[in-house]
């Protein structure tokens, strides 16, 4: 795999890799754009939504008060 494919995950890959994520949680974050989730974490490639893995983890740690 190249660097780009290691950095970005599909929703399914993110759910499989991180057990604390659920499909409904990601749908909710994307649809409601909670605290700018869409602009900070998600990238659209055609119909596919890709998640920046590092930005996703930073976003979640910031939401849990881990700053």
PDB file of N, CA and C in Angstrom:
ATOM      1  N   UNK A   1       0.836  -1.192   0.000  1.00  0.00           N
ATOM      2  CA  UNK A   1       0.000   0.000   0.000  1.00  0.00           C
ATOM      3  C   UNK A   1       0.872   1.243   0.000  1.00  0.00           C
ATOM      4  N   UNK A   2       0.388   2.264  -0.659  1.00  0.00           N
ATOM      5  CA  UNK A   2       1.145   3.513  -0.635  1.00  0.00           C
ATOM      6  C   UNK A   2       0.692   4.377   0.532  1.00  0.00           C
ATOM      7  N   UNK A   3       1.390   5.484   0.755  1.00  0.00           N
ATOM      8  CA  UNK A   3       1.098   6.360   1.898  1.00  0.00           C
ATOM      9  C   UNK A   3      -0.338   6.865   1.891  1.00  0.00           C
ATOM     10  N   UNK A   4      -0.846   7.244   0.711  1.00  0.00           N
ATOM     11  CA  UNK A   4      -2.192   7.797   0.626  1.00  0.00           C
ATOM     12  C   UNK A   4      -3.230   6.772   1.049  1.00  0.00           C
ATOM     13  N   UNK A   5      -3.106   5.537   0.600  1.00  0.00           N
ATOM     14  CA  UNK A   5      -4.097   4.532   0.946  1.00  0.00           C
ATOM     15  C   UNK A   5      -3.998   4.120   2.416  1.00  0.00           C
ATOM     16  N   UNK A   6      -2.847   4.299   3.030  1.00  0.00           N
ATOM     17  CA  UNK A   6      -2.711   4.002   4.451  1.00  0.00           C
ATOM     18  C   UNK A   6      -3.321   5.114   5.299  1.00  0.00           C
ATOM     19  N   UNK A   7      -3.343   6.316   4.784  1.00  0.00           N
ATOM     20  CA  UNK A   7      -3.810   7.461   5.561  1.00  0.00           C
ATOM     21  C   UNK A   7      -5.331   7.592   5.548  1.00  0.00           C
ATOM     22  N   UNK A   8      -5.963   7.233   4.445  1.00  0.00           N
ATOM     23  CA  UNK A   8      -7.407   7.389   4.310  1.00  0.00           C
ATOM     24  C   UNK A   8      -8.107   6.042   4.403  1.00  0.00           C
ATOM     25  N   UNK A   9      -9.240   6.038   5.094  1.00  0.00           N
ATOM     26  CA  UNK A   9     -10.036   4.830   5.272  1.00  0.00           C
ATOM     27  C   UNK A   9     -11.450   5.080   4.775  1.00  0.00           C
ATOM     28  N   UNK A  10     -12.082   4.038   4.265  1.00  0.00           N
ATOM     29  CA  UNK A  10     -13.512   4.132   3.984  1.00  0.00           C
ATOM     30  C   UNK A  10     -14.240   3.987   5.320  1.00  0.00           C
ATOM     31  N   UNK A  11     -15.535   4.250   5.318  1.00  0.00           N
ATOM     32  CA  UNK A  11     -16.298   4.098   6.562  1.00  0.00           C
ATOM     33  C   UNK A  11     -16.210   2.667   7.079  1.00  0.00           C
ATOM     34  N   UNK A  12     -16.339   1.687   6.176  1.00  0.00           N
ATOM     35  CA  UNK A  12     -16.286   0.276   6.582  1.00  0.00           C
ATOM     36  C   UNK A  12     -14.932  -0.083   7.176  1.00  0.00           C
ATOM     37  N   UNK A  13     -13.854   0.394   6.560  1.00  0.00           N
ATOM     38  CA  UNK A  13     -12.515   0.104   7.072  1.00  0.00           C
ATOM     39  C   UNK A  13     -12.315   0.716   8.454  1.00  0.00           C
ATOM     40  N   UNK A  14     -12.814   1.930   8.649  1.00  0.00           N
ATOM     41  CA  UNK A  14     -12.683   2.596   9.947  1.00  0.00           C
ATOM     42  C   UNK A  14     -13.441   1.835  11.028  1.00  0.00           C
ATOM     43  N   UNK A  15     -14.632   1.353  10.692  1.00  0.00           N
ATOM     44  CA  UNK A  15     -15.438   0.606  11.660  1.00  0.00           C
ATOM     45  C   UNK A  15     -14.766  -0.712  12.017  1.00  0.00           C
ATOM     46  N   UNK A  16     -14.181  -1.390  11.022  1.00  0.00           N
ATOM     47  CA  UNK A  16     -13.485  -2.652  11.274  1.00  0.00           C
ATOM     48  C   UNK A  16     -12.218  -2.441  12.100  1.00  0.00           C
ATOM     49  N   UNK A  17     -11.500  -1.371  11.834  1.00  0.00           N
ATOM     50  CA  UNK A  17     -10.227  -1.130  12.508  1.00  0.00           C
ATOM     51  C   UNK A  17     -10.415  -0.632  13.943  1.00  0.00           C
ATOM     52  N   UNK A  18     -11.432   0.193  14.164  1.00  0.00           N
ATOM     53  CA  UNK A  18     -11.671   0.776  15.481  1.00  0.00           C
ATOM     54  C   UNK A  18     -13.034   0.319  15.991  1.00  0.00           C
ATOM     55  N   UNK A  19     -13.008  -0.571  16.959  1.00  0.00           N
ATOM     56  CA  UNK A  19     -14.232  -1.179  17.487  1.00  0.00           C
ATOM     57  C   UNK A  19     -15.189  -0.212  18.154  1.00  0.00           C
ATOM     58  N   UNK A  20     -14.697   0.919  18.598  1.00  0.00           N
ATOM     59  CA  UNK A  20     -15.570   1.881  19.276  1.00  0.00           C
ATOM     60  C   UNK A  20     -16.418   2.680  18.297  1.00  0.00           C
ATOM     61  N   UNK A  21     -16.124   2.602  17.010  1.00  0.00           N
ATOM     62  CA  UNK A  21     -16.917   3.309  16.003  1.00  0.00           C
ATOM     63  C   UNK A  21     -18.047   2.422  15.518  1.00  0.00           C
ATOM     64  N   UNK A  22     -19.176   3.033  15.231  1.00  0.00           N
ATOM     65  CA  UNK A  22     -20.274   2.304  14.613  1.00  0.00           C
ATOM     66  C   UNK A  22     -20.686   3.045  13.348  1.00  0.00           C
ATOM     67  N   UNK A  23     -21.374   2.344  12.469  1.00  0.00           N
ATOM     68  CA  UNK A  23     -21.818   2.966  11.230  1.00  0.00           C
ATOM     69  C   UNK A  23     -22.755   4.131  11.525  1.00  0.00           C
ATOM     70  N   UNK A  24     -23.641   3.947  12.494  1.00  0.00           N
ATOM     71  CA  UNK A  24     -24.581   5.017  12.847  1.00  0.00           C
ATOM     72  C   UNK A  24     -23.866   6.234  13.424  1.00  0.00           C
ATOM     73  N   UNK A  25     -22.815   6.009  14.193  1.00  0.00           N
ATOM     74  CA  UNK A  25     -22.052   7.126  14.767  1.00  0.00           C
ATOM     75  C   UNK A  25     -21.419   7.959  13.648  1.00  0.00           C
ATOM     76  N   UNK A  26     -20.810   7.278  12.686  1.00  0.00           N
ATOM     77  CA  UNK A  26     -20.176   8.001  11.582  1.00  0.00           C
ATOM     78  C   UNK A  26     -21.205   8.711  10.707  1.00  0.00           C
ATOM     79  N   UNK A  27     -22.329   8.057  10.450  1.00  0.00           N
ATOM     80  CA  UNK A  27     -23.391   8.696   9.656  1.00  0.00           C
ATOM     81  C   UNK A  27     -23.877   9.961  10.345  1.00  0.00           C
ATOM     82  N   UNK A  28     -24.054   9.888  11.659  1.00  0.00           N
ATOM     83  CA  UNK A  28     -24.524  11.037  12.429  1.00  0.00           C
ATOM     84  C   UNK A  28     -23.513  12.183  12.377  1.00  0.00           C
ATOM     85  N   UNK A  29     -22.234  11.863  12.565  1.00  0.00           N
ATOM     86  CA  UNK A  29     -21.190  12.888  12.517  1.00  0.00           C
ATOM     87  C   UNK A  29     -21.124  13.543  11.135  1.00  0.00           C
ATOM     88  N   UNK A  30     -21.251  12.736  10.088  1.00  0.00           N
ATOM     89  CA  UNK A  30     -21.191  13.272   8.727  1.00  0.00           C
ATOM     90  C   UNK A  30     -22.430  14.099   8.384  1.00  0.00           C
ATOM     91  N   UNK A  31     -23.604  13.595   8.732  1.00  0.00           N
ATOM     92  CA  UNK A  31     -24.841  14.270   8.367  1.00  0.00           C
ATOM     93  C   UNK A  31     -25.022  15.587   9.119  1.00  0.00           C
ATOM     94  N   UNK A  32     -24.788  15.564  10.413  1.00  0.00           N
ATOM     95  CA  UNK A  32     -24.988  16.762  11.232  1.00  0.00           C
ATOM     96  C   UNK A  32     -23.776  17.682  11.236  1.00  0.00           C
ATOM     97  N   UNK A  33     -22.646  17.209  10.718  1.00  0.00           N
ATOM     98  CA  UNK A  33     -21.401  17.968  10.682  1.00  0.00           C
ATOM     99  C   UNK A  33     -21.051  18.517  12.071  1.00  0.00           C
ATOM    100  N   UNK A  34     -21.073  17.621  13.040  1.00  0.00           N
ATOM    101  CA  UNK A  34     -20.806  17.971  14.432  1.00  0.00           C
ATOM    102  C   UNK A  34     -19.408  18.581  14.559  1.00  0.00           C
ATOM    103  N   UNK A  35     -19.343  19.796  15.051  1.00  0.00           N
ATOM    104  CA  UNK A  35     -18.079  20.528  15.267  1.00  0.00           C
ATOM    105  C   UNK A  35     -17.157  20.512  14.041  1.00  0.00           C
ATOM    106  N   UNK A  36     -17.734  20.565  12.863  1.00  0.00           N
ATOM    107  CA  UNK A  36     -16.945  20.628  11.639  1.00  0.00           C
ATOM    108  C   UNK A  36     -16.313  19.302  11.231  1.00  0.00           C
ATOM    109  N   UNK A  37     -16.914  18.187  11.653  1.00  0.00           N
ATOM    110  CA  UNK A  37     -16.366  16.858  11.358  1.00  0.00           C
ATOM    111  C   UNK A  37     -16.132  16.665   9.864  1.00  0.00           C
ATOM    112  N   UNK A  38     -17.116  17.064   9.052  1.00  0.00           N
ATOM    113  CA  UNK A  38     -17.010  16.870   7.599  1.00  0.00           C
ATOM    114  C   UNK A  38     -15.794  17.584   7.017  1.00  0.00           C
ATOM    115  N   UNK A  39     -15.552  18.812   7.446  1.00  0.00           N
ATOM    116  CA  UNK A  39     -14.439  19.581   6.879  1.00  0.00           C
ATOM    117  C   UNK A  39     -13.089  19.153   7.455  1.00  0.00           C
ATOM    118  N   UNK A  40     -13.072  18.675   8.694  1.00  0.00           N
ATOM    119  CA  UNK A  40     -11.820  18.294   9.341  1.00  0.00           C
ATOM    120  C   UNK A  40     -11.376  16.875   8.999  1.00  0.00           C
ATOM    121  N   UNK A  41     -12.322  15.967   8.813  1.00  0.00           N
ATOM    122  CA  UNK A  41     -11.990  14.550   8.726  1.00  0.00           C
ATOM    123  C   UNK A  41     -12.338  13.910   7.379  1.00  0.00           C
ATOM    124  N   UNK A  42     -13.476  14.269   6.809  1.00  0.00           N
ATOM    125  CA  UNK A  42     -13.987  13.562   5.626  1.00  0.00           C
ATOM    126  C   UNK A  42     -13.584  14.247   4.323  1.00  0.00           C
ATOM    127  N   UNK A  43     -13.295  13.437   3.340  1.00  0.00           N
ATOM    128  CA  UNK A  43     -13.020  13.902   1.977  1.00  0.00           C
ATOM    129  C   UNK A  43     -13.928  13.110   1.048  1.00  0.00           C
ATOM    130  N   UNK A  44     -14.521  13.779   0.072  1.00  0.00           N
ATOM    131  CA  UNK A  44     -15.374  13.088  -0.891  1.00  0.00           C
ATOM    132  C   UNK A  44     -14.604  12.823  -2.163  1.00  0.00           C
ATOM    133  N   UNK A  45     -14.706  11.615  -2.632  1.00  0.00           N
ATOM    134  CA  UNK A  45     -14.091  11.207  -3.884  1.00  0.00           C
ATOM    135  C   UNK A  45     -15.204  10.566  -4.708  1.00  0.00           C
ATOM    136  N   UNK A  46     -15.853  11.390  -5.520  1.00  0.00           N
ATOM    137  CA  UNK A  46     -17.039  10.914  -6.228  1.00  0.00           C
ATOM    138  C   UNK A  46     -18.152  10.674  -5.227  1.00  0.00           C
ATOM    139  N   UNK A  47     -18.683   9.463  -5.216  1.00  0.00           N
ATOM    140  CA  UNK A  47     -19.725   9.107  -4.248  1.00  0.00           C
ATOM    141  C   UNK A  47     -19.144   8.574  -2.952  1.00  0.00           C
ATOM    142  N   UNK A  48     -17.873   8.241  -2.976  1.00  0.00           N
ATOM    143  CA  UNK A  48     -17.229   7.627  -1.821  1.00  0.00           C
ATOM    144  C   UNK A  48     -16.770   8.677  -0.822  1.00  0.00           C
ATOM    145  N   UNK A  49     -16.961   8.386   0.450  1.00  0.00           N
ATOM    146  CA  UNK A  49     -16.480   9.254   1.522  1.00  0.00           C
ATOM    147  C   UNK A  49     -15.272   8.586   2.157  1.00  0.00           C
ATOM    148  N   UNK A  50     -14.153   9.293   2.161  1.00  0.00           N
ATOM    149  CA  UNK A  50     -12.936   8.790   2.781  1.00  0.00           C
ATOM    150  C   UNK A  50     -12.664   9.573   4.055  1.00  0.00           C
ATOM    151  N   UNK A  51     -12.160   8.874   5.061  1.00  0.00           N
ATOM    152  CA  UNK A  51     -11.872   9.498   6.346  1.00  0.00           C
ATOM    153  C   UNK A  51     -10.367   9.537   6.560  1.00  0.00           C
ATOM    154  N   UNK A  52      -9.863  10.706   6.891  1.00  0.00           N
ATOM    155  CA  UNK A  52      -8.449  10.867   7.222  1.00  0.00           C
ATOM    156  C   UNK A  52      -8.258  10.245   8.610  1.00  0.00           C
ATOM    157  N   UNK A  53      -7.505   9.145   8.665  1.00  0.00           N
ATOM    158  CA  UNK A  53      -7.379   8.376   9.903  1.00  0.00           C
ATOM    159  C   UNK A  53      -6.808   9.205  11.047  1.00  0.00           C
ATOM    160  N   UNK A  54      -5.752   9.943  10.787  1.00  0.00           N
ATOM    161  CA  UNK A  54      -5.126  10.753  11.832  1.00  0.00           C
ATOM    162  C   UNK A  54      -6.079  11.848  12.321  1.00  0.00           C
ATOM    163  N   UNK A  55      -6.748  12.522  11.388  1.00  0.00           N
ATOM    164  CA  UNK A  55      -7.694  13.575  11.752  1.00  0.00           C
ATOM    165  C   UNK A  55      -8.880  12.994  12.523  1.00  0.00           C
ATOM    166  N   UNK A  56      -9.309  11.785  12.166  1.00  0.00           N
ATOM    167  CA  UNK A  56     -10.410  11.128  12.867  1.00  0.00           C
ATOM    168  C   UNK A  56     -10.051  10.888  14.329  1.00  0.00           C
ATOM    169  N   UNK A  57      -8.863  10.358  14.562  1.00  0.00           N
ATOM    170  CA  UNK A  57      -8.438  10.077  15.937  1.00  0.00           C
ATOM    171  C   UNK A  57      -8.244  11.363  16.739  1.00  0.00           C
ATOM    172  N   UNK A  58      -7.697  12.390  16.105  1.00  0.00           N
ATOM    173  CA  UNK A  58      -7.553  13.683  16.788  1.00  0.00           C
ATOM    174  C   UNK A  58      -8.911  14.289  17.118  1.00  0.00           C
ATOM    175  N   UNK A  59      -9.848  14.183  16.194  1.00  0.00           N
ATOM    176  CA  UNK A  59     -11.189  14.716  16.407  1.00  0.00           C
ATOM    177  C   UNK A  59     -11.860  14.010  17.586  1.00  0.00           C
ATOM    178  N   UNK A  60     -11.773  12.698  17.611  1.00  0.00           N
ATOM    179  CA  UNK A  60     -12.415  11.928  18.682  1.00  0.00           C
ATOM    180  C   UNK A  60     -11.746  12.194  20.023  1.00  0.00           C
ATOM    181  N   UNK A  61     -10.427  12.280  20.056  1.00  0.00           N
ATOM    182  CA  UNK A  61      -9.748  12.558  21.326  1.00  0.00           C
ATOM    183  C   UNK A  61     -10.082  13.968  21.812  1.00  0.00           C
ATOM    184  N   UNK A  62     -10.273  14.906  20.909  1.00  0.00           N
ATOM    185  CA  UNK A  62     -10.669  16.256  21.290  1.00  0.00           C
ATOM    186  C   UNK A  62     -12.087  16.319  21.827  1.00  0.00           C
ATOM    187  N   UNK A  63     -12.959  15.477  21.301  1.00  0.00           N
ATOM    188  CA  UNK A  63     -14.348  15.437  21.754  1.00  0.00           C
ATOM    189  C   UNK A  63     -14.483  14.809  23.132  1.00  0.00           C
ATOM    190  N   UNK A  64     -13.573  13.911  23.475  1.00  0.00           N
ATOM    191  CA  UNK A  64     -13.672  13.215  24.757  1.00  0.00           C
ATOM    192  C   UNK A  64     -12.997  14.002  25.881  1.00  0.00           C
ATOM    193  N   UNK A  65     -12.509  15.192  25.582  1.00  0.00           N
ATOM    194  CA  UNK A  65     -11.878  16.005  26.617  1.00  0.00           C
ATOM    195  C   UNK A  65     -10.418  15.652  26.817  1.00  0.00           C
ATOM    196  N   UNK A  66      -9.825  14.954  25.851  1.00  0.00           N
ATOM    197  CA  UNK A  66      -8.440  14.524  25.988  1.00  0.00           C
ATOM    198  C   UNK A  66      -7.434  15.553  25.546  1.00  0.00           C
ATOM    199  N   UNK A  67      -7.834  16.810  25.369  1.00  0.00           N
ATOM    200  CA  UNK A  67      -6.888  17.823  24.894  1.00  0.00           C
ATOM    201  C   UNK A  67      -5.950  18.262  25.973  1.00  0.00           C
TER     202      UNK A  67
END
